[in-house]
């Protein structure tokens, strides 16, 4: 699974586990509801670490807790278009 997909799945899972809506998470994390929605609808391809930290604060978990999931066990990075091949 690609990292952005794993992040979205993890957020969705945590919302269900905590009986929270995306709107409530936005309020608790200090992130705009539209930004949370954009992350969940794949309009934001790779949320920043700062954004993930705010989401974790809204969920009352640490970044370690966020990434300590089977979802991230076999995660793959997204290829960068501007990545230069090594010779």
PDB file of N, CA and C in Angstrom:
ATOM      1  N   UNK A   1       0.849  -1.168   0.000  1.00  0.00           N
ATOM      2  CA  UNK A   1       0.000   0.000   0.000  1.00  0.00           C
ATOM      3  C   UNK A   1       0.901   1.240   0.000  1.00  0.00           C
ATOM      4  N   UNK A   2       0.495   2.244  -0.743  1.00  0.00           N
ATOM      5  CA  UNK A   2       1.250   3.486  -0.780  1.00  0.00           C
ATOM      6  C   UNK A   2       1.021   4.289   0.499  1.00  0.00           C
ATOM      7  N   UNK A   3       2.017   5.039   0.916  1.00  0.00           N
ATOM      8  CA  UNK A   3       1.962   5.794   2.159  1.00  0.00           C
ATOM      9  C   UNK A   3       0.740   6.703   2.271  1.00  0.00           C
ATOM     10  N   UNK A   4       0.409   7.511   1.259  1.00  0.00           N
ATOM     11  CA  UNK A   4      -0.775   8.371   1.401  1.00  0.00           C
ATOM     12  C   UNK A   4      -2.071   7.578   1.639  1.00  0.00           C
ATOM     13  N   UNK A   5      -2.191   6.439   0.991  1.00  0.00           N
ATOM     14  CA  UNK A   5      -3.374   5.586   1.199  1.00  0.00           C
ATOM     15  C   UNK A   5      -3.397   5.018   2.611  1.00  0.00           C
ATOM     16  N   UNK A   6      -2.231   4.640   3.113  1.00  0.00           N
ATOM     17  CA  UNK A   6      -2.141   4.109   4.472  1.00  0.00           C
ATOM     18  C   UNK A   6      -2.503   5.184   5.497  1.00  0.00           C
ATOM     19  N   UNK A   7      -2.064   6.405   5.270  1.00  0.00           N
ATOM     20  CA  UNK A   7      -2.389   7.509   6.179  1.00  0.00           C
ATOM     21  C   UNK A   7      -3.887   7.747   6.199  1.00  0.00           C
ATOM     22  N   UNK A   8      -4.513   7.796   5.026  1.00  0.00           N
ATOM     23  CA  UNK A   8      -5.964   7.989   4.963  1.00  0.00           C
ATOM     24  C   UNK A   8      -6.710   6.863   5.665  1.00  0.00           C
ATOM     25  N   UNK A   9      -6.280   5.638   5.427  1.00  0.00           N
ATOM     26  CA  UNK A   9      -6.920   4.484   6.067  1.00  0.00           C
ATOM     27  C   UNK A   9      -6.765   4.555   7.583  1.00  0.00           C
ATOM     28  N   UNK A  10      -5.590   4.940   8.045  1.00  0.00           N
ATOM     29  CA  UNK A  10      -5.348   5.041   9.490  1.00  0.00           C
ATOM     30  C   UNK A  10      -6.238   6.116  10.116  1.00  0.00           C
ATOM     31  N   UNK A  11      -6.342   7.268   9.470  1.00  0.00           N
ATOM     32  CA  UNK A  11      -7.207   8.330   9.996  1.00  0.00           C
ATOM     33  C   UNK A  11      -8.652   7.850  10.044  1.00  0.00           C
ATOM     34  N   UNK A  12      -9.110   7.235   8.974  1.00  0.00           N
ATOM     35  CA  UNK A  12     -10.487   6.732   8.914  1.00  0.00           C
ATOM     36  C   UNK A  12     -10.740   5.699  10.013  1.00  0.00           C
ATOM     37  N   UNK A  13      -9.796   4.811  10.213  1.00  0.00           N
ATOM     38  CA  UNK A  13      -9.910   3.792  11.257  1.00  0.00           C
ATOM     39  C   UNK A  13      -9.995   4.436  12.638  1.00  0.00           C
ATOM     40  N   UNK A  14      -9.131   5.424  12.886  1.00  0.00           N
ATOM     41  CA  UNK A  14      -9.125   6.098  14.185  1.00  0.00           C
ATOM     42  C   UNK A  14     -10.408   6.893  14.409  1.00  0.00           C
ATOM     43  N   UNK A  15     -10.954   7.469  13.343  1.00  0.00           N
ATOM     44  CA  UNK A  15     -12.237   8.173  13.476  1.00  0.00           C
ATOM     45  C   UNK A  15     -13.326   7.200  13.936  1.00  0.00           C
ATOM     46  N   UNK A  16     -13.375   6.030  13.310  1.00  0.00           N
ATOM     47  CA  UNK A  16     -14.380   5.028  13.678  1.00  0.00           C
ATOM     48  C   UNK A  16     -14.166   4.528  15.106  1.00  0.00           C
ATOM     49  N   UNK A  17     -12.904   4.248  15.456  1.00  0.00           N
ATOM     50  CA  UNK A  17     -12.595   3.744  16.797  1.00  0.00           C
ATOM     51  C   UNK A  17     -12.967   4.749  17.883  1.00  0.00           C
ATOM     52  N   UNK A  18     -12.849   6.034  17.573  1.00  0.00           N
ATOM     53  CA  UNK A  18     -13.123   7.086  18.552  1.00  0.00           C
ATOM     54  C   UNK A  18     -14.506   7.702  18.385  1.00  0.00           C
ATOM     55  N   UNK A  19     -15.308   7.120  17.496  1.00  0.00           N
ATOM     56  CA  UNK A  19     -16.661   7.604  17.229  1.00  0.00           C
ATOM     57  C   UNK A  19     -16.667   9.114  16.957  1.00  0.00           C
ATOM     58  N   UNK A  20     -15.768   9.524  16.059  1.00  0.00           N
ATOM     59  CA  UNK A  20     -15.632  10.931  15.688  1.00  0.00           C
ATOM     60  C   UNK A  20     -15.959  11.131  14.218  1.00  0.00           C
ATOM     61  N   UNK A  21     -16.509  12.271  13.923  1.00  0.00           N
ATOM     62  CA  UNK A  21     -16.680  12.663  12.521  1.00  0.00           C
ATOM     63  C   UNK A  21     -15.430  13.434  12.097  1.00  0.00           C
ATOM     64  N   UNK A  22     -15.254  13.586  10.818  1.00  0.00           N
ATOM     65  CA  UNK A  22     -14.135  14.381  10.310  1.00  0.00           C
ATOM     66  C   UNK A  22     -14.254  15.817  10.815  1.00  0.00           C
ATOM     67  N   UNK A  23     -15.480  16.316  10.917  1.00  0.00           N
ATOM     68  CA  UNK A  23     -15.704  17.678  11.402  1.00  0.00           C
ATOM     69  C   UNK A  23     -15.252  17.828  12.857  1.00  0.00           C
ATOM     70  N   UNK A  24     -15.604  16.855  13.706  1.00  0.00           N
ATOM     71  CA  UNK A  24     -15.185  16.910  15.113  1.00  0.00           C
ATOM     72  C   UNK A  24     -13.674  16.807  15.236  1.00  0.00           C
ATOM     73  N   UNK A  25     -13.065  15.972  14.412  1.00  0.00           N
ATOM     74  CA  UNK A  25     -11.608  15.863  14.424  1.00  0.00           C
ATOM     75  C   UNK A  25     -10.987  17.201  14.039  1.00  0.00           C
ATOM     76  N   UNK A  26     -11.530  17.853  13.039  1.00  0.00           N
ATOM     77  CA  UNK A  26     -11.013  19.161  12.621  1.00  0.00           C
ATOM     78  C   UNK A  26     -11.075  20.147  13.781  1.00  0.00           C
ATOM     79  N   UNK A  27     -12.203  20.183  14.466  1.00  0.00           N
ATOM     80  CA  UNK A  27     -12.374  21.090  15.598  1.00  0.00           C
ATOM     81  C   UNK A  27     -11.358  20.786  16.700  1.00  0.00           C
ATOM     82  N   UNK A  28     -11.220  19.504  17.047  1.00  0.00           N
ATOM     83  CA  UNK A  28     -10.320  19.104  18.130  1.00  0.00           C
ATOM     84  C   UNK A  28      -8.853  19.284  17.775  1.00  0.00           C
ATOM     85  N   UNK A  29      -8.526  19.203  16.488  1.00  0.00           N
ATOM     86  CA  UNK A  29      -7.120  19.287  16.077  1.00  0.00           C
ATOM     87  C   UNK A  29      -6.706  20.681  15.626  1.00  0.00           C
ATOM     88  N   UNK A  30      -7.677  21.573  15.455  1.00  0.00           N
ATOM     89  CA  UNK A  30      -7.349  22.927  15.022  1.00  0.00           C
ATOM     90  C   UNK A  30      -7.040  23.032  13.540  1.00  0.00           C
ATOM     91  N   UNK A  31      -7.495  22.060  12.787  1.00  0.00           N
ATOM     92  CA  UNK A  31      -7.313  22.044  11.330  1.00  0.00           C
ATOM     93  C   UNK A  31      -8.669  22.325  10.705  1.00  0.00           C
ATOM     94  N   UNK A  32      -8.686  23.037   9.604  1.00  0.00           N
ATOM     95  CA  UNK A  32      -9.968  23.354   8.981  1.00  0.00           C
ATOM     96  C   UNK A  32     -10.669  22.073   8.520  1.00  0.00           C
ATOM     97  N   UNK A  33     -11.988  22.052   8.644  1.00  0.00           N
ATOM     98  CA  UNK A  33     -12.743  20.876   8.178  1.00  0.00           C
ATOM     99  C   UNK A  33     -12.481  20.570   6.704  1.00  0.00           C
ATOM    100  N   UNK A  34     -12.305  21.605   5.908  1.00  0.00           N
ATOM    101  CA  UNK A  34     -12.056  21.363   4.481  1.00  0.00           C
ATOM    102  C   UNK A  34     -10.711  20.670   4.259  1.00  0.00           C
ATOM    103  N   UNK A  35      -9.722  20.984   5.095  1.00  0.00           N
ATOM    104  CA  UNK A  35      -8.414  20.341   4.933  1.00  0.00           C
ATOM    105  C   UNK A  35      -8.496  18.860   5.319  1.00  0.00           C
ATOM    106  N   UNK A  36      -9.184  18.563   6.416  1.00  0.00           N
ATOM    107  CA  UNK A  36      -9.389  17.155   6.794  1.00  0.00           C
ATOM    108  C   UNK A  36     -10.121  16.423   5.675  1.00  0.00           C
ATOM    109  N   UNK A  37     -11.159  17.050   5.147  1.00  0.00           N
ATOM    110  CA  UNK A  37     -11.928  16.456   4.059  1.00  0.00           C
ATOM    111  C   UNK A  37     -11.049  16.228   2.830  1.00  0.00           C
ATOM    112  N   UNK A  38     -10.210  17.198   2.518  1.00  0.00           N
ATOM    113  CA  UNK A  38      -9.313  17.061   1.363  1.00  0.00           C
ATOM    114  C   UNK A  38      -8.332  15.912   1.540  1.00  0.00           C
ATOM    115  N   UNK A  39      -7.862  15.716   2.751  1.00  0.00           N
ATOM    116  CA  UNK A  39      -6.962  14.587   3.026  1.00  0.00           C
ATOM    117  C   UNK A  39      -7.700  13.272   2.795  1.00  0.00           C
ATOM    118  N   UNK A  40      -8.898  13.178   3.352  1.00  0.00           N
ATOM    119  CA  UNK A  40      -9.664  11.929   3.259  1.00  0.00           C
ATOM    120  C   UNK A  40     -10.167  11.648   1.849  1.00  0.00           C
ATOM    121  N   UNK A  41     -10.353  12.700   1.036  1.00  0.00           N
ATOM    122  CA  UNK A  41     -10.839  12.514  -0.339  1.00  0.00           C
ATOM    123  C   UNK A  41      -9.705  12.527  -1.369  1.00  0.00           C
ATOM    124  N   UNK A  42      -8.472  12.408  -0.891  1.00  0.00           N
ATOM    125  CA  UNK A  42      -7.288  12.299  -1.746  1.00  0.00           C
ATOM    126  C   UNK A  42      -6.957  13.569  -2.522  1.00  0.00           C
ATOM    127  N   UNK A  43      -7.502  14.715  -2.092  1.00  0.00           N
ATOM    128  CA  UNK A  43      -7.130  15.971  -2.731  1.00  0.00           C
ATOM    129  C   UNK A  43      -5.783  16.456  -2.214  1.00  0.00           C
ATOM    130  N   UNK A  44      -5.430  16.045  -1.008  1.00  0.00           N
ATOM    131  CA  UNK A  44      -4.096  16.286  -0.460  1.00  0.00           C
ATOM    132  C   UNK A  44      -3.368  14.964  -0.589  1.00  0.00           C
ATOM    133  N   UNK A  45      -2.362  14.930  -1.445  1.00  0.00           N
ATOM    134  CA  UNK A  45      -1.718  13.643  -1.720  1.00  0.00           C
ATOM    135  C   UNK A  45      -0.836  13.169  -0.570  1.00  0.00           C
ATOM    136  N   UNK A  46      -0.122  14.081   0.083  1.00  0.00           N
ATOM    137  CA  UNK A  46       0.735  13.691   1.191  1.00  0.00           C
ATOM    138  C   UNK A  46       0.651  14.730   2.300  1.00  0.00           C
ATOM    139  N   UNK A  47      -0.123  14.458   3.355  1.00  0.00           N
ATOM    140  CA  UNK A  47      -0.214  15.416   4.455  1.00  0.00           C
ATOM    141  C   UNK A  47       1.151  15.619   5.106  1.00  0.00           C
ATOM    142  N   UNK A  48       1.402  16.821   5.569  1.00  0.00           N
ATOM    143  CA  UNK A  48       2.685  17.102   6.220  1.00  0.00           C
ATOM    144  C   UNK A  48       2.728  16.454   7.596  1.00  0.00           C
ATOM    145  N   UNK A  49       3.929  16.316   8.106  1.00  0.00           N
ATOM    146  CA  UNK A  49       4.102  15.768   9.439  1.00  0.00           C
ATOM    147  C   UNK A  49       3.454  16.682  10.476  1.00  0.00           C
ATOM    148  N   UNK A  50       3.524  17.969  10.256  1.00  0.00           N
ATOM    149  CA  UNK A  50       2.887  18.929  11.151  1.00  0.00           C
ATOM    150  C   UNK A  50       1.373  18.719  11.188  1.00  0.00           C
ATOM    151  N   UNK A  51       0.772  18.516  10.031  1.00  0.00           N
ATOM    152  CA  UNK A  51      -0.668  18.250   9.973  1.00  0.00           C
ATOM    153  C   UNK A  51      -0.999  16.959  10.706  1.00  0.00           C
ATOM    154  N   UNK A  52      -0.191  15.927  10.498  1.00  0.00           N
ATOM    155  CA  UNK A  52      -0.431  14.653  11.191  1.00  0.00           C
ATOM    156  C   UNK A  52      -0.288  14.812  12.696  1.00  0.00           C
ATOM    157  N   UNK A  53       0.647  15.655  13.135  1.00  0.00           N
ATOM    158  CA  UNK A  53       0.811  15.897  14.562  1.00  0.00           C
ATOM    159  C   UNK A  53      -0.440  16.560  15.137  1.00  0.00           C
ATOM    160  N   UNK A  54      -1.006  17.518  14.421  1.00  0.00           N
ATOM    161  CA  UNK A  54      -2.237  18.160  14.880  1.00  0.00           C
ATOM    162  C   UNK A  54      -3.397  17.160  14.929  1.00  0.00           C
ATOM    163  N   UNK A  55      -3.465  16.301  13.935  1.00  0.00           N
ATOM    164  CA  UNK A  55      -4.506  15.260  13.925  1.00  0.00           C
ATOM    165  C   UNK A  55      -4.332  14.348  15.138  1.00  0.00           C
ATOM    166  N   UNK A  56      -3.098  13.973  15.421  1.00  0.00           N
ATOM    167  CA  UNK A  56      -2.835  13.121  16.583  1.00  0.00           C
ATOM    168  C   UNK A  56      -3.232  13.818  17.881  1.00  0.00           C
ATOM    169  N   UNK A  57      -2.958  15.106  17.968  1.00  0.00           N
ATOM    170  CA  UNK A  57      -3.353  15.859  19.163  1.00  0.00           C
ATOM    171  C   UNK A  57      -4.872  15.848  19.316  1.00  0.00           C
ATOM    172  N   UNK A  58      -5.587  15.976  18.202  1.00  0.00           N
ATOM    173  CA  UNK A  58      -7.041  15.922  18.243  1.00  0.00           C
ATOM    174  C   UNK A  58      -7.576  14.563  18.659  1.00  0.00           C
ATOM    175  N   UNK A  59      -6.799  13.533  18.396  1.00  0.00           N
ATOM    176  CA  UNK A  59      -7.186  12.168  18.757  1.00  0.00           C
ATOM    177  C   UNK A  59      -6.616  11.740  20.109  1.00  0.00           C
ATOM    178  N   UNK A  60      -5.826  12.633  20.727  1.00  0.00           N
ATOM    179  CA  UNK A  60      -5.161  12.346  22.007  1.00  0.00           C
ATOM    180  C   UNK A  60      -4.229  11.140  21.917  1.00  0.00           C
ATOM    181  N   UNK A  61      -3.477  11.085  20.811  1.00  0.00           N
ATOM    182  CA  UNK A  61      -2.473  10.038  20.639  1.00  0.00           C
ATOM    183  C   UNK A  61      -1.171  10.694  20.200  1.00  0.00           C
ATOM    184  N   UNK A  62      -0.088   9.936  20.245  1.00  0.00           N
ATOM    185  CA  UNK A  62       1.201  10.434  19.787  1.00  0.00           C
ATOM    186  C   UNK A  62       1.409  10.033  18.326  1.00  0.00           C
ATOM    187  N   UNK A  63       2.389  10.650  17.693  1.00  0.00           N
ATOM    188  CA  UNK A  63       2.746  10.229  16.334  1.00  0.00           C
ATOM    189  C   UNK A  63       3.157   8.765  16.323  1.00  0.00           C
ATOM    190  N   UNK A  64       3.859   8.338  17.383  1.00  0.00           N
ATOM    191  CA  UNK A  64       4.260   6.930  17.483  1.00  0.00           C
ATOM    192  C   UNK A  64       3.027   6.034  17.471  1.00  0.00           C
ATOM    193  N   UNK A  65       1.997   6.427  18.235  1.00  0.00           N
ATOM    194  CA  UNK A  65       0.755   5.648  18.259  1.00  0.00           C
ATOM    195  C   UNK A  65       0.107   5.610  16.875  1.00  0.00           C
ATOM    196  N   UNK A  66       0.160   6.750  16.181  1.00  0.00           N
ATOM    197  CA  UNK A  66      -0.446   6.829  14.854  1.00  0.00           C
ATOM    198  C   UNK A  66       0.201   5.827  13.906  1.00  0.00           C
ATOM    199  N   UNK A  67       1.537   5.813  13.895  1.00  0.00           N
ATOM    200  CA  UNK A  67       2.246   4.953  12.943  1.00  0.00           C
ATOM    201  C   UNK A  67       2.457   3.527  13.444  1.00  0.00           C
ATOM    202  N   UNK A  68       2.136   3.263  14.709  1.00  0.00           N
ATOM    203  CA  UNK A  68       2.281   1.924  15.274  1.00  0.00           C
ATOM    204  C   UNK A  68       1.039   1.102  14.936  1.00  0.00           C
ATOM    205  N   UNK A  69       0.938   0.732  13.681  1.00  0.00           N
ATOM    206  CA  UNK A  69      -0.220   0.006  13.180  1.00  0.00           C
ATOM    207  C   UNK A  69       0.221  -0.942  12.073  1.00  0.00           C
ATOM    208  N   UNK A  70      -0.476  -2.048  11.964  1.00  0.00           N
ATOM    209  CA  UNK A  70      -0.195  -3.006  10.888  1.00  0.00           C
ATOM    210  C   UNK A  70      -0.358  -2.367   9.509  1.00  0.00           C
ATOM    211  N   UNK A  71      -1.152  -1.315   9.436  1.00  0.00           N
ATOM    212  CA  UNK A  71      -1.382  -0.625   8.164  1.00  0.00           C
ATOM    213  C   UNK A  71      -0.064  -0.184   7.537  1.00  0.00           C
ATOM    214  N   UNK A  72       0.908   0.190   8.374  1.00  0.00           N
ATOM    215  CA  UNK A  72       2.169   0.725   7.880  1.00  0.00           C
ATOM    216  C   UNK A  72       3.260  -0.331   7.750  1.00  0.00           C
ATOM    217  N   UNK A  73       2.920  -1.589   7.976  1.00  0.00           N
ATOM    218  CA  UNK A  73       3.934  -2.655   7.960  1.00  0.00           C
ATOM    219  C   UNK A  73       4.624  -2.795   6.600  1.00  0.00           C
ATOM    220  N   UNK A  74       3.879  -2.763   5.523  1.00  0.00           N
ATOM    221  CA  UNK A  74       4.461  -2.948   4.189  1.00  0.00           C
ATOM    222  C   UNK A  74       4.207  -1.737   3.301  1.00  0.00           C
ATOM    223  N   UNK A  75       4.262  -0.566   3.893  1.00  0.00           N
ATOM    224  CA  UNK A  75       3.957   0.655   3.153  1.00  0.00           C
ATOM    225  C   UNK A  75       5.093   0.997   2.180  1.00  0.00           C
ATOM    226  N   UNK A  76       4.708   1.601   1.059  1.00  0.00           N
ATOM    227  CA  UNK A  76       5.679   2.010   0.047  1.00  0.00           C
ATOM    228  C   UNK A  76       5.587   3.503  -0.175  1.00  0.00           C
ATOM    229  N   UNK A  77       6.717   4.101  -0.502  1.00  0.00           N
ATOM    230  CA  UNK A  77       6.755   5.535  -0.796  1.00  0.00           C
ATOM    231  C   UNK A  77       6.201   5.798  -2.194  1.00  0.00           C
ATOM    232  N   UNK A  78       5.696   6.993  -2.373  1.00  0.00           N
ATOM    233  CA  UNK A  78       5.232   7.433  -3.684  1.00  0.00           C
ATOM    234  C   UNK A  78       6.455   7.877  -4.467  1.00  0.00           C
ATOM    235  N   UNK A  79       6.534   7.452  -5.700  1.00  0.00           N
ATOM    236  CA  UNK A  79       7.660   7.861  -6.547  1.00  0.00           C
ATOM    237  C   UNK A  79       7.581   9.350  -6.837  1.00  0.00           C
ATOM    238  N   UNK A  80       8.710  10.009  -6.770  1.00  0.00           N
ATOM    239  CA  UNK A  80       8.786  11.439  -7.069  1.00  0.00           C
ATOM    240  C   UNK A  80       9.077  11.626  -8.545  1.00  0.00           C
ATOM    241  N   UNK A  81       8.347  12.544  -9.161  1.00  0.00           N
ATOM    242  CA  UNK A  81       8.566  12.834 -10.586  1.00  0.00           C
ATOM    243  C   UNK A  81       9.922  13.468 -10.812  1.00  0.00           C
ATOM    244  N   UNK A  82      10.364  14.268  -9.821  1.00  0.00           N
ATOM    245  CA  UNK A  82      11.617  14.993  -9.993  1.00  0.00           C
ATOM    246  C   UNK A  82      12.822  14.217  -9.481  1.00  0.00           C
ATOM    247  N   UNK A  83      12.620  12.981  -9.090  1.00  0.00           N
ATOM    248  CA  UNK A  83      13.707  12.143  -8.576  1.00  0.00           C
ATOM    249  C   UNK A  83      14.670  11.803  -9.712  1.00  0.00           C
ATOM    250  N   UNK A  84      15.944  12.092  -9.505  1.00  0.00           N
ATOM    251  CA  UNK A  84      16.948  11.790 -10.533  1.00  0.00           C
ATOM    252  C   UNK A  84      17.507  10.402 -10.311  1.00  0.00           C
ATOM    253  N   UNK A  85      17.729   9.703 -11.395  1.00  0.00           N
ATOM    254  CA  UNK A  85      18.300   8.368 -11.313  1.00  0.00           C
ATOM    255  C   UNK A  85      19.774   8.476 -10.976  1.00  0.00           C
ATOM    256  N   UNK A  86      20.214   7.581 -10.076  1.00  0.00           N
ATOM    257  CA  UNK A  86      21.627   7.540  -9.716  1.00  0.00           C
ATOM    258  C   UNK A  86      22.356   6.728 -10.758  1.00  0.00           C
ATOM    259  N   UNK A  87      23.528   7.192 -11.130  1.00  0.00           N
ATOM    260  CA  UNK A  87      24.340   6.477 -12.130  1.00  0.00           C
ATOM    261  C   UNK A  87      25.261   5.492 -11.480  1.00  0.00           C
TER     262      UNK A  87
END
